Amino acid sequence: MVQYQGNSGAGGGGEHIHMVTLDKTGKKSFGICIVRGEVKDSPNTKTTGIFIKGIVPDSPAHLCGKLKVGDRILSLNGKDVRHATEQAVIDLIKDADFKIELEIQTFDKSEEPNKNDPRNGYMQTKNKFNQEQSSSNTMGTGTVRQPTVRNDPRRNPAFSASRVKHVPINNDDDDEDTRDMTGRIRTEAGYEIDRASAGNCKLNKQEKDRDKEQEDEFGYTMAKINKRYNMMKDLRRIEIQRQGNVPLGIALAGHKDRQKMACFVAGVDPNGLLASVDVKPGDEIVEVNGNVLKNRCHLNASAVFKNVDGEKLVLITSRRKPNDEGMCVKPIKKFPASTDETKFIFDQFPKARTVQVRKEGFLGIMVIYGKHVEVGSGIFVSDLREGSNAEAAGVKVGDMVLAINQDVTLDSNYDEATGLLKRAEGVVTMILLTLKSEEAIRSEREAEEKKKEEAKKEEEKPQEPSIAEIKPNKKILIEVKVEKKPLGVIVTGGKNNNVKTGCVITHIYPEGALAADNRLKIFDHICDINGKAVHCESMTTLKVHQLFHMTYEKNVNFTVFRADPPELDKFNVEFMKKSGKELGLSLAPNEFGCTISEIMQGQYPEIDSKLQRGDIITKLNGDALEGLTFQVCYALFKGANGKISMEVTRPKPTLRTEAPKA
């Protein structure tokens, strides 16, 4: 502690209390250095508190002209700091953002500070604490020859220093670090850290001689860490390399005492990065990469972790004993299963790719919200900075941005996408889709249309009937080699039939000539045979059937139309079957059910009036008959008794033959 002695009434000025507002917008700090000390009002009384011990030249504190060395700070932003510690006030200043309001007690108002006098800055501080720099200065007692000070007309006569080590400010032998600890500085390696970080801790000459460890990029050595946090237990420095967007796997919690702020490890995910290092629930994290977390809310610490730049993480932790006061929650043992919300992107866009770009101040890309004929609206890369990390990583102008660090951007607008890019730090992982240019798409479409036209022309060319392929929804002429073999089909159609608009195949026997040819299928519409149209609307059912049961010498020509989808009609037939009485149906099983080949009249009126030769029974009492063998179908129909329900499919072709001329 630094002591100040003086008479509050000296010079007749007395005490003066006033308010000062400092705004550091555009500046690195407010420009004040503080120390906890005391003022001797009289030989028997004294006042303790936080005093200004230095003012940085050209800082907000210097330029305001209302502060000087020796002023006492009574309150900061409305909070009484008369009995606060030096570190507590430093933390208040750090958390105050860009503006602070100070309640100042000046012990001698007769002296008006001159903002143009450099002695109002660090030079004045040097005068106050280093009145004598001669070799006669006794370090052991710290006594000072007073006349030099008294003869200084600019010195506040209300104060004089005693029991202070009179050494230069930057002297390594000084055990007390009197530097301003607000704001941020850069290490020798170029990394920005807090001034209050252990990486900025000052070691004296003896400590430096003992510290053989090389400083890392954040200025850390264990000697500096132990000195900065000398009141904390079991300090550890933990290093880990981040892997892309693999989560740290850590849960944070605050202090049990709500009046205190701290950042504790509440749990470590066994699948996270920190599971492989010496971090346990209950550990207090005091720093990460030069960012001080001690005396800060754990919610702020979460934001610090997210914004830390670089792949390397250096944590300073303090391990407490199990019975020590600390964490506000019980250790977390179970973590929810991690989910990657971007996995579906690769299902939707198989050609998408993952690109990792190190952000060093900027990514080097510009994006726009646009529309592409291939994928529709979205976020696209509009420009690349030449020589940037994005260009080196393979990002291309025109790429569609599908995700940024596991945040899907398919439905994002421009502001949302740019916000994600601005907040991203370190290694940024993006899912991109390289799209074809509109010219390339246009040329591909033209080539495809040309190919279709050529294929259409090829189709229009007459095919050899003996090998012609039957294509859907088109009349095709085919030639079938029979050589007196039965055709082997069941057809339906005729003027005295329920199918009057065309002749349709409803069953093909495997041993017939049509089965051997293997081109005709069930539900194919036969428009003519050997050039003669099959006019079902004017031919009896018997005559239509006879056309397919004639013996043909060598070859038979058929004009076939295969409807896609098939033209069908479905209906149900229900009746009561008497025990021991047959249904009177002859059936031919196929892949669609059982085709009726013959009906014995007089068995059941419902069958006589509703069913006909060529109908296909697809279900019996709710059981599907598709693909069943003859034996199984026979057993099902034979064993059925009582109420019978049959689902029947019947062809319903469109009329495709011209009416015969009279």
Foldseek 3Di string as FASTA:
>chain_A
DWEKEFALCPPNQHKDKDKDKFFQVVHQAQFWFKAWYKYHNDPVDIATAIWTLFGAQPHRVLVVQPDAGGKGWQAKQPHGGRPPHPVVVLVVRQPVPGMIMTIIMDSGPVQRGDSPDCCRGVVVSLCQQAVDPDPVQDQVFQADDPPSVVPPVNDDRRTHTGSGRRDDQPALQDPDNRDRQHGWDADPLGDIAGSLFLLVARHHPVLVVVQPDDADRLNDDVSSVCVSPVVFADKDKDKFFADALFAQQWDWFFFQDPVFGFTFTQEGDCRHRCVVIPHGGQKTWQDKSRYGRHRHHNVVVVLVVQQDAARMIITIIGHDDPPDGTGNDHRDDDDDDDDQLCPVVCVVPVQKDKWKFFADVAQFWDWAWDADPVPGTAIFTQDGHPPGRCVVRPDDGGKGWQDKSSRGGRPPHPVVVVVSRVSHHGIIMTIIDHDDDPVVVVVVVVVVVVVVVVVVVVVPPQDDQCPDAADAQDWHKHKFWAQQWQQAFFWDFALVGPAQQFIFTQDGDCPGRVVVSPRDDGLKTWQDKPPHGDRRNHGGRVVVVVVRGDGDRTMMMTTIHHHVVRAKDKDKFKDFAAPPQAQQFDWDAEQQATFTQDGDPDRDVSCVVPHDHGKGFQDKPRHGGGPDDPVVVVVVRNPDGTMIMTMIMDGHDHRDYDDDDD
